[in-house]
């Protein structure tokens, strides 16, 4: 299954963390792992915001949540998830 995932960061809560730089680096490393594993299919920044939009792949919503929970900054992220279904225009 594919999901459209919009993630927004709560920067007001994040900016005062003493280990923020280490957390951000771990977040990037985890993101690269998720891409290598085929979980994150595509990802885009949202200009002017602390947010991104991506297409994520998982067996089901439960597995998707498990992938999102791997993100070190998850506690400070708001994730909006929409399941995607094939459109008839792309049918074989």
PDB file of N, CA and C in Angstrom:
ATOM      1  N   UNK A   1       0.838  -1.179   0.000  1.00  0.00           N
ATOM      2  CA  UNK A   1       0.000   0.000   0.000  1.00  0.00           C
ATOM      3  C   UNK A   1       0.879   1.238   0.000  1.00  0.00           C
ATOM      4  N   UNK A   2       0.388   2.271  -0.621  1.00  0.00           N
ATOM      5  CA  UNK A   2       1.102   3.547  -0.579  1.00  0.00           C
ATOM      6  C   UNK A   2       0.270   4.568   0.183  1.00  0.00           C
ATOM      7  N   UNK A   3       0.983   5.465   0.847  1.00  0.00           N
ATOM      8  CA  UNK A   3       0.359   6.490   1.678  1.00  0.00           C
ATOM      9  C   UNK A   3       0.985   7.840   1.358  1.00  0.00           C
ATOM     10  N   UNK A   4       0.156   8.879   1.319  1.00  0.00           N
ATOM     11  CA  UNK A   4       0.645  10.245   1.213  1.00  0.00           C
ATOM     12  C   UNK A   4       0.793  10.749   2.642  1.00  0.00           C
ATOM     13  N   UNK A   5       2.021  11.080   3.024  1.00  0.00           N
ATOM     14  CA  UNK A   5       2.305  11.465   4.409  1.00  0.00           C
ATOM     15  C   UNK A   5       2.828  12.899   4.429  1.00  0.00           C
ATOM     16  N   UNK A   6       2.150  13.756   5.166  1.00  0.00           N
ATOM     17  CA  UNK A   6       2.603  15.127   5.384  1.00  0.00           C
ATOM     18  C   UNK A   6       3.101  15.211   6.817  1.00  0.00           C
ATOM     19  N   UNK A   7       4.352  15.630   6.975  1.00  0.00           N
ATOM     20  CA  UNK A   7       4.957  15.723   8.306  1.00  0.00           C
ATOM     21  C   UNK A   7       5.325  17.173   8.574  1.00  0.00           C
ATOM     22  N   UNK A   8       4.858  17.675   9.711  1.00  0.00           N
ATOM     23  CA  UNK A   8       5.189  19.034  10.154  1.00  0.00           C
ATOM     24  C   UNK A   8       5.936  18.946  11.479  1.00  0.00           C
ATOM     25  N   UNK A   9       6.976  19.768  11.608  1.00  0.00           N
ATOM     26  CA  UNK A   9       7.770  19.790  12.838  1.00  0.00           C
ATOM     27  C   UNK A   9       7.271  20.882  13.765  1.00  0.00           C
ATOM     28  N   UNK A  10       7.230  20.589  15.052  1.00  0.00           N
ATOM     29  CA  UNK A  10       6.923  21.602  16.062  1.00  0.00           C
ATOM     30  C   UNK A  10       8.248  22.245  16.469  1.00  0.00           C
ATOM     31  N   UNK A  11       8.677  23.214  15.669  1.00  0.00           N
ATOM     32  CA  UNK A  11       9.999  23.805  15.864  1.00  0.00           C
ATOM     33  C   UNK A  11      10.104  24.560  17.186  1.00  0.00           C
ATOM     34  N   UNK A  12       9.013  25.102  17.688  1.00  0.00           N
ATOM     35  CA  UNK A  12       9.086  25.822  18.969  1.00  0.00           C
ATOM     36  C   UNK A  12       9.498  24.879  20.088  1.00  0.00           C
ATOM     37  N   UNK A  13       9.046  23.646  20.054  1.00  0.00           N
ATOM     38  CA  UNK A  13       9.437  22.669  21.073  1.00  0.00           C
ATOM     39  C   UNK A  13      10.835  22.119  20.803  1.00  0.00           C
ATOM     40  N   UNK A  14      11.191  21.992  19.535  1.00  0.00           N
ATOM     41  CA  UNK A  14      12.478  21.398  19.167  1.00  0.00           C
ATOM     42  C   UNK A  14      13.667  22.311  19.422  1.00  0.00           C
ATOM     43  N   UNK A  15      13.505  23.574  19.172  1.00  0.00           N
ATOM     44  CA  UNK A  15      14.665  24.476  19.154  1.00  0.00           C
ATOM     45  C   UNK A  15      15.408  24.579  20.476  1.00  0.00           C
ATOM     46  N   UNK A  16      14.772  24.248  21.586  1.00  0.00           N
ATOM     47  CA  UNK A  16      15.431  24.356  22.885  1.00  0.00           C
ATOM     48  C   UNK A  16      16.024  23.039  23.382  1.00  0.00           C
ATOM     49  N   UNK A  17      15.948  21.990  22.582  1.00  0.00           N
ATOM     50  CA  UNK A  17      16.517  20.709  23.006  1.00  0.00           C
ATOM     51  C   UNK A  17      18.043  20.794  23.016  1.00  0.00           C
ATOM     52  N   UNK A  18      18.685  20.374  24.097  1.00  0.00           N
ATOM     53  CA  UNK A  18      20.143  20.471  24.172  1.00  0.00           C
ATOM     54  C   UNK A  18      20.858  19.577  23.155  1.00  0.00           C
ATOM     55  N   UNK A  19      20.258  18.469  22.767  1.00  0.00           N
ATOM     56  CA  UNK A  19      20.888  17.536  21.830  1.00  0.00           C
ATOM     57  C   UNK A  19      20.247  17.586  20.444  1.00  0.00           C
ATOM     58  N   UNK A  20      19.743  18.758  20.066  1.00  0.00           N
ATOM     59  CA  UNK A  20      19.012  18.897  18.805  1.00  0.00           C
ATOM     60  C   UNK A  20      19.854  18.494  17.595  1.00  0.00           C
ATOM     61  N   UNK A  21      21.101  18.938  17.532  1.00  0.00           N
ATOM     62  CA  UNK A  21      21.943  18.629  16.368  1.00  0.00           C
ATOM     63  C   UNK A  21      22.102  17.119  16.194  1.00  0.00           C
ATOM     64  N   UNK A  22      22.306  16.410  17.282  1.00  0.00           N
ATOM     65  CA  UNK A  22      22.452  14.949  17.213  1.00  0.00           C
ATOM     66  C   UNK A  22      21.143  14.295  16.784  1.00  0.00           C
ATOM     67  N   UNK A  23      20.022  14.793  17.292  1.00  0.00           N
ATOM     68  CA  UNK A  23      18.719  14.244  16.911  1.00  0.00           C
ATOM     69  C   UNK A  23      18.432  14.470  15.428  1.00  0.00           C
ATOM     70  N   UNK A  24      18.761  15.659  14.930  1.00  0.00           N
ATOM     71  CA  UNK A  24      18.534  15.971  13.514  1.00  0.00           C
ATOM     72  C   UNK A  24      19.390  15.060  12.635  1.00  0.00           C
ATOM     73  N   UNK A  25      20.635  14.832  13.025  1.00  0.00           N
ATOM     74  CA  UNK A  25      21.501  13.938  12.248  1.00  0.00           C
ATOM     75  C   UNK A  25      20.965  12.509  12.273  1.00  0.00           C
ATOM     76  N   UNK A  26      20.488  12.058  13.419  1.00  0.00           N
ATOM     77  CA  UNK A  26      19.895  10.717  13.520  1.00  0.00           C
ATOM     78  C   UNK A  26      18.620  10.626  12.678  1.00  0.00           C
ATOM     79  N   UNK A  27      17.851  11.706  12.652  1.00  0.00           N
ATOM     80  CA  UNK A  27      16.632  11.758  11.828  1.00  0.00           C
ATOM     81  C   UNK A  27      16.987  11.598  10.345  1.00  0.00           C
ATOM     82  N   UNK A  28      18.020  12.290   9.904  1.00  0.00           N
ATOM     83  CA  UNK A  28      18.463  12.185   8.506  1.00  0.00           C
ATOM     84  C   UNK A  28      18.936  10.770   8.190  1.00  0.00           C
ATOM     85  N   UNK A  29      19.698  10.187   9.112  1.00  0.00           N
ATOM     86  CA  UNK A  29      20.194   8.827   8.910  1.00  0.00           C
ATOM     87  C   UNK A  29      19.018   7.837   8.801  1.00  0.00           C
ATOM     88  N   UNK A  30      18.043   7.988   9.679  1.00  0.00           N
ATOM     89  CA  UNK A  30      16.872   7.114   9.641  1.00  0.00           C
ATOM     90  C   UNK A  30      16.095   7.319   8.342  1.00  0.00           C
ATOM     91  N   UNK A  31      15.962   8.564   7.901  1.00  0.00           N
ATOM     92  CA  UNK A  31      15.290   8.843   6.636  1.00  0.00           C
ATOM     93  C   UNK A  31      15.984   8.168   5.467  1.00  0.00           C
ATOM     94  N   UNK A  32      17.320   8.227   5.448  1.00  0.00           N
ATOM     95  CA  UNK A  32      18.066   7.562   4.377  1.00  0.00           C
ATOM     96  C   UNK A  32      17.861   6.046   4.429  1.00  0.00           C
ATOM     97  N   UNK A  33      17.791   5.485   5.640  1.00  0.00           N
ATOM     98  CA  UNK A  33      17.528   4.046   5.784  1.00  0.00           C
ATOM     99  C   UNK A  33      16.144   3.697   5.233  1.00  0.00           C
ATOM    100  N   UNK A  34      15.151   4.518   5.558  1.00  0.00           N
ATOM    101  CA  UNK A  34      13.792   4.264   5.077  1.00  0.00           C
ATOM    102  C   UNK A  34      13.713   4.347   3.555  1.00  0.00           C
ATOM    103  N   UNK A  35      14.480   5.249   2.961  1.00  0.00           N
ATOM    104  CA  UNK A  35      14.544   5.333   1.499  1.00  0.00           C
ATOM    105  C   UNK A  35      15.209   4.077   0.940  1.00  0.00           C
ATOM    106  N   UNK A  36      16.338   3.677   1.522  1.00  0.00           N
ATOM    107  CA  UNK A  36      17.053   2.485   1.051  1.00  0.00           C
ATOM    108  C   UNK A  36      16.193   1.227   1.162  1.00  0.00           C
ATOM    109  N   UNK A  37      15.335   1.176   2.170  1.00  0.00           N
ATOM    110  CA  UNK A  37      14.451   0.021   2.381  1.00  0.00           C
ATOM    111  C   UNK A  37      13.216   0.057   1.481  1.00  0.00           C
ATOM    112  N   UNK A  38      13.027   1.160   0.746  1.00  0.00           N
ATOM    113  CA  UNK A  38      11.867   1.278  -0.127  1.00  0.00           C
ATOM    114  C   UNK A  38      10.608   1.736   0.583  1.00  0.00           C
ATOM    115  N   UNK A  39      10.740   2.176   1.826  1.00  0.00           N
ATOM    116  CA  UNK A  39       9.579   2.659   2.588  1.00  0.00           C
ATOM    117  C   UNK A  39       9.204   4.060   2.117  1.00  0.00           C
ATOM    118  N   UNK A  40      10.175   4.959   2.080  1.00  0.00           N
ATOM    119  CA  UNK A  40       9.924   6.295   1.532  1.00  0.00           C
ATOM    120  C   UNK A  40      10.217   6.205   0.038  1.00  0.00           C
ATOM    121  N   UNK A  41       9.164   6.376  -0.765  1.00  0.00           N
ATOM    122  CA  UNK A  41       9.272   6.252  -2.216  1.00  0.00           C
ATOM    123  C   UNK A  41       9.693   7.583  -2.829  1.00  0.00           C
ATOM    124  N   UNK A  42       9.083   8.664  -2.375  1.00  0.00           N
ATOM    125  CA  UNK A  42       9.409  10.032  -2.811  1.00  0.00           C
ATOM    126  C   UNK A  42       9.204  10.954  -1.624  1.00  0.00           C
ATOM    127  N   UNK A  43       9.947  12.072  -1.609  1.00  0.00           N
ATOM    128  CA  UNK A  43       9.780  13.044  -0.526  1.00  0.00           C
ATOM    129  C   UNK A  43      10.116  14.435  -1.055  1.00  0.00           C
ATOM    130  N   UNK A  44       9.326  15.416  -0.636  1.00  0.00           N
ATOM    131  CA  UNK A  44       9.513  16.804  -1.050  1.00  0.00           C
ATOM    132  C   UNK A  44       9.467  17.710   0.176  1.00  0.00           C
ATOM    133  N   UNK A  45      10.248  18.768   0.146  1.00  0.00           N
ATOM    134  CA  UNK A  45      10.151  19.834   1.150  1.00  0.00           C
ATOM    135  C   UNK A  45       8.945  20.696   0.823  1.00  0.00           C
ATOM    136  N   UNK A  46       8.388  21.330   1.836  1.00  0.00           N
ATOM    137  CA  UNK A  46       7.336  22.321   1.629  1.00  0.00           C
ATOM    138  C   UNK A  46       8.010  23.678   1.839  1.00  0.00           C
ATOM    139  N   UNK A  47       8.255  24.446   0.772  1.00  0.00           N
ATOM    140  CA  UNK A  47       8.962  25.714   0.900  1.00  0.00           C
ATOM    141  C   UNK A  47       8.301  26.645   1.916  1.00  0.00           C
ATOM    142  N   UNK A  48       9.141  27.261   2.746  1.00  0.00           N
ATOM    143  CA  UNK A  48       8.659  28.220   3.734  1.00  0.00           C
ATOM    144  C   UNK A  48       8.072  27.598   4.985  1.00  0.00           C
ATOM    145  N   UNK A  49       8.125  26.281   5.093  1.00  0.00           N
ATOM    146  CA  UNK A  49       7.582  25.598   6.270  1.00  0.00           C
ATOM    147  C   UNK A  49       8.576  24.560   6.775  1.00  0.00           C
ATOM    148  N   UNK A  50       8.430  24.187   8.006  1.00  0.00           N
ATOM    149  CA  UNK A  50       9.178  23.055   8.564  1.00  0.00           C
ATOM    150  C   UNK A  50       8.309  21.824   8.326  1.00  0.00           C
ATOM    151  N   UNK A  51       8.240  21.408   7.064  1.00  0.00           N
ATOM    152  CA  UNK A  51       7.341  20.321   6.700  1.00  0.00           C
ATOM    153  C   UNK A  51       7.844  19.620   5.448  1.00  0.00           C
ATOM    154  N   UNK A  52       7.382  18.388   5.279  1.00  0.00           N
ATOM    155  CA  UNK A  52       7.652  17.654   4.055  1.00  0.00           C
ATOM    156  C   UNK A  52       6.440  16.806   3.702  1.00  0.00           C
ATOM    157  N   UNK A  53       6.380  16.439   2.431  1.00  0.00           N
ATOM    158  CA  UNK A  53       5.313  15.577   1.928  1.00  0.00           C
ATOM    159  C   UNK A  53       5.997  14.418   1.220  1.00  0.00           C
ATOM    160  N   UNK A  54       5.546  13.216   1.512  1.00  0.00           N
ATOM    161  CA  UNK A  54       6.171  12.058   0.895  1.00  0.00           C
ATOM    162  C   UNK A  54       5.181  10.961   0.571  1.00  0.00           C
ATOM    163  N   UNK A  55       5.610  10.102  -0.328  1.00  0.00           N
ATOM    164  CA  UNK A  55       4.876   8.872  -0.605  1.00  0.00           C
ATOM    165  C   UNK A  55       5.634   7.766   0.123  1.00  0.00           C
ATOM    166  N   UNK A  56       4.940   7.122   1.049  1.00  0.00           N
ATOM    167  CA  UNK A  56       5.512   6.042   1.851  1.00  0.00           C
ATOM    168  C   UNK A  56       4.827   4.740   1.469  1.00  0.00           C
ATOM    169  N   UNK A  57       5.551   3.638   1.582  1.00  0.00           N
ATOM    170  CA  UNK A  57       5.002   2.321   1.254  1.00  0.00           C
ATOM    171  C   UNK A  57       5.075   1.423   2.489  1.00  0.00           C
ATOM    172  N   UNK A  58       3.958   0.739   2.763  1.00  0.00           N
ATOM    173  CA  UNK A  58       3.880  -0.208   3.883  1.00  0.00           C
ATOM    174  C   UNK A  58       2.782  -1.223   3.585  1.00  0.00           C
ATOM    175  N   UNK A  59       2.829  -2.370   4.262  1.00  0.00           N
ATOM    176  CA  UNK A  59       1.785  -3.393   4.058  1.00  0.00           C
ATOM    177  C   UNK A  59       0.415  -2.874   4.447  1.00  0.00           C
ATOM    178  N   UNK A  60       0.375  -2.085   5.540  1.00  0.00           N
ATOM    179  CA  UNK A  60      -0.898  -1.571   6.051  1.00  0.00           C
ATOM    180  C   UNK A  60      -0.608  -0.379   6.954  1.00  0.00           C
ATOM    181  N   UNK A  61      -1.663   0.204   7.508  1.00  0.00           N
ATOM    182  CA  UNK A  61      -1.511   1.394   8.355  1.00  0.00           C
ATOM    183  C   UNK A  61      -0.702   1.094   9.608  1.00  0.00           C
ATOM    184  N   UNK A  62      -0.846  -0.103  10.153  1.00  0.00           N
ATOM    185  CA  UNK A  62      -0.092  -0.474  11.353  1.00  0.00           C
ATOM    186  C   UNK A  62       1.404  -0.466  11.074  1.00  0.00           C
ATOM    187  N   UNK A  63       1.801  -1.027   9.946  1.00  0.00           N
ATOM    188  CA  UNK A  63       3.222  -1.029   9.594  1.00  0.00           C
ATOM    189  C   UNK A  63       3.714   0.389   9.319  1.00  0.00           C
ATOM    190  N   UNK A  64       2.878   1.210   8.692  1.00  0.00           N
ATOM    191  CA  UNK A  64       3.270   2.597   8.439  1.00  0.00           C
ATOM    192  C   UNK A  64       3.554   3.319   9.750  1.00  0.00           C
ATOM    193  N   UNK A  65       2.683   3.153  10.727  1.00  0.00           N
ATOM    194  CA  UNK A  65       2.889   3.791  12.032  1.00  0.00           C
ATOM    195  C   UNK A  65       4.208   3.318  12.645  1.00  0.00           C
ATOM    196  N   UNK A  66       4.520   2.046  12.509  1.00  0.00           N
ATOM    197  CA  UNK A  66       5.787   1.528  13.030  1.00  0.00           C
ATOM    198  C   UNK A  66       6.970   2.210  12.344  1.00  0.00           C
ATOM    199  N   UNK A  67       6.874   2.435  11.035  1.00  0.00           N
ATOM    200  CA  UNK A  67       7.941   3.143  10.316  1.00  0.00           C
ATOM    201  C   UNK A  67       8.051   4.587  10.810  1.00  0.00           C
ATOM    202  N   UNK A  68       6.931   5.265  10.950  1.00  0.00           N
ATOM    203  CA  UNK A  68       6.953   6.649  11.443  1.00  0.00           C
ATOM    204  C   UNK A  68       7.547   6.714  12.844  1.00  0.00           C
ATOM    205  N   UNK A  69       7.237   5.735  13.670  1.00  0.00           N
ATOM    206  CA  UNK A  69       7.743   5.716  15.043  1.00  0.00           C
ATOM    207  C   UNK A  69       9.247   5.490  15.118  1.00  0.00           C
ATOM    208  N   UNK A  70       9.862   5.061  14.033  1.00  0.00           N
ATOM    209  CA  UNK A  70      11.325   4.921  13.992  1.00  0.00           C
ATOM    210  C   UNK A  70      12.024   6.279  13.947  1.00  0.00           C
ATOM    211  N   UNK A  71      11.305   7.316  13.533  1.00  0.00           N
ATOM    212  CA  UNK A  71      11.920   8.642  13.408  1.00  0.00           C
ATOM    213  C   UNK A  71      12.276   9.186  14.792  1.00  0.00           C
ATOM    214  N   UNK A  72      13.535   9.553  15.015  1.00  0.00           N
ATOM    215  CA  UNK A  72      13.949  10.056  16.327  1.00  0.00           C
ATOM    216  C   UNK A  72      13.187  11.303  16.786  1.00  0.00           C
ATOM    217  N   UNK A  73      12.715  12.112  15.853  1.00  0.00           N
ATOM    218  CA  UNK A  73      11.983  13.334  16.207  1.00  0.00           C
ATOM    219  C   UNK A  73      10.474  13.110  16.258  1.00  0.00           C
ATOM    220  N   UNK A  74      10.029  11.875  16.176  1.00  0.00           N
ATOM    221  CA  UNK A  74       8.599  11.557  16.073  1.00  0.00           C
ATOM    222  C   UNK A  74       7.755  12.256  17.128  1.00  0.00           C
ATOM    223  N   UNK A  75       8.269  12.349  18.323  1.00  0.00           N
ATOM    224  CA  UNK A  75       7.519  12.971  19.428  1.00  0.00           C
ATOM    225  C   UNK A  75       7.144  14.420  19.118  1.00  0.00           C
ATOM    226  N   UNK A  76       7.931  15.074  18.272  1.00  0.00           N
ATOM    227  CA  UNK A  76       7.704  16.490  17.952  1.00  0.00           C
ATOM    228  C   UNK A  76       7.166  16.684  16.533  1.00  0.00           C
ATOM    229  N   UNK A  77       6.701  15.616  15.917  1.00  0.00           N
ATOM    230  CA  UNK A  77       6.196  15.680  14.550  1.00  0.00           C
ATOM    231  C   UNK A  77       4.698  15.435  14.524  1.00  0.00           C
ATOM    232  N   UNK A  78       4.031  16.170  13.647  1.00  0.00           N
ATOM    233  CA  UNK A  78       2.610  15.932  13.389  1.00  0.00           C
ATOM    234  C   UNK A  78       2.529  15.303  12.004  1.00  0.00           C
ATOM    235  N   UNK A  79       2.030  14.082  11.937  1.00  0.00           N
ATOM    236  CA  UNK A  79       1.944  13.381  10.654  1.00  0.00           C
ATOM    237  C   UNK A  79       0.488  13.229  10.236  1.00  0.00           C
ATOM    238  N   UNK A  80       0.197  13.713   9.041  1.00  0.00           N
ATOM    239  CA  UNK A  80      -1.128  13.526   8.440  1.00  0.00           C
ATOM    240  C   UNK A  80      -0.974  12.451   7.367  1.00  0.00           C
ATOM    241  N   UNK A  81      -1.767  11.408   7.461  1.00  0.00           N
ATOM    242  CA  UNK A  81      -1.617  10.249   6.578  1.00  0.00           C
ATOM    243  C   UNK A  81      -2.891  10.031   5.772  1.00  0.00           C
ATOM    244  N   UNK A  82      -2.702   9.791   4.474  1.00  0.00           N
ATOM    245  CA  UNK A  82      -3.826   9.440   3.594  1.00  0.00           C
ATOM    246  C   UNK A  82      -3.435   8.206   2.795  1.00  0.00           C
ATOM    247  N   UNK A  83      -4.268   7.185   2.854  1.00  0.00           N
ATOM    248  CA  UNK A  83      -4.033   5.999   2.033  1.00  0.00           C
ATOM    249  C   UNK A  83      -4.285   6.359   0.572  1.00  0.00           C
ATOM    250  N   UNK A  84      -3.486   5.793  -0.315  1.00  0.00           N
ATOM    251  CA  UNK A  84      -3.626   6.046  -1.745  1.00  0.00           C
ATOM    252  C   UNK A  84      -4.119   4.785  -2.450  1.00  0.00           C
ATOM    253  N   UNK A  85      -4.930   4.967  -3.471  1.00  0.00           N
ATOM    254  CA  UNK A  85      -5.425   3.854  -4.285  1.00  0.00           C
ATOM    255  C   UNK A  85      -5.133   4.167  -5.749  1.00  0.00           C
ATOM    256  N   UNK A  86      -4.924   3.130  -6.525  1.00  0.00           N
ATOM    257  CA  UNK A  86      -4.636   3.304  -7.951  1.00  0.00           C
ATOM    258  C   UNK A  86      -5.801   4.011  -8.641  1.00  0.00           C
ATOM    259  N   UNK A  87      -5.462   4.868  -9.579  1.00  0.00           N
ATOM    260  CA  UNK A  87      -6.462   5.580 -10.373  1.00  0.00           C
ATOM    261  C   UNK A  87      -6.667   4.821 -11.675  1.00  0.00           C
ATOM    262  N   UNK A  88      -7.883   4.846 -12.181  1.00  0.00           N
ATOM    263  CA  UNK A  88      -8.209   4.112 -13.413  1.00  0.00           C
ATOM    264  C   UNK A  88      -7.375   4.559 -14.612  1.00  0.00           C
ATOM    265  N   UNK A  89      -6.897   5.797 -14.614  1.00  0.00           N
ATOM    266  CA  UNK A  89      -6.071   6.274 -15.726  1.00  0.00           C
ATOM    267  C   UNK A  89      -4.712   5.585 -15.761  1.00  0.00           C
ATOM    268  N   UNK A  90      -4.283   5.033 -14.632  1.00  0.00           N
ATOM    269  CA  UNK A  90      -3.003   4.332 -14.588  1.00  0.00           C
ATOM    270  C   UNK A  90      -3.164   2.814 -14.617  1.00  0.00           C
ATOM    271  N   UNK A  91      -4.379   2.342 -14.781  1.00  0.00           N
ATOM    272  CA  UNK A  91      -4.615   0.895 -14.816  1.00  0.00           C
ATOM    273  C   UNK A  91      -3.963   0.295 -16.060  1.00  0.00           C
ATOM    274  N   UNK A  92      -3.424  -0.908 -15.937  1.00  0.00           N
ATOM    275  CA  UNK A  92      -2.760  -1.542 -17.103  1.00  0.00           C
ATOM    276  C   UNK A  92      -3.737  -1.890 -18.206  1.00  0.00           C
TER     277      UNK A  92
END
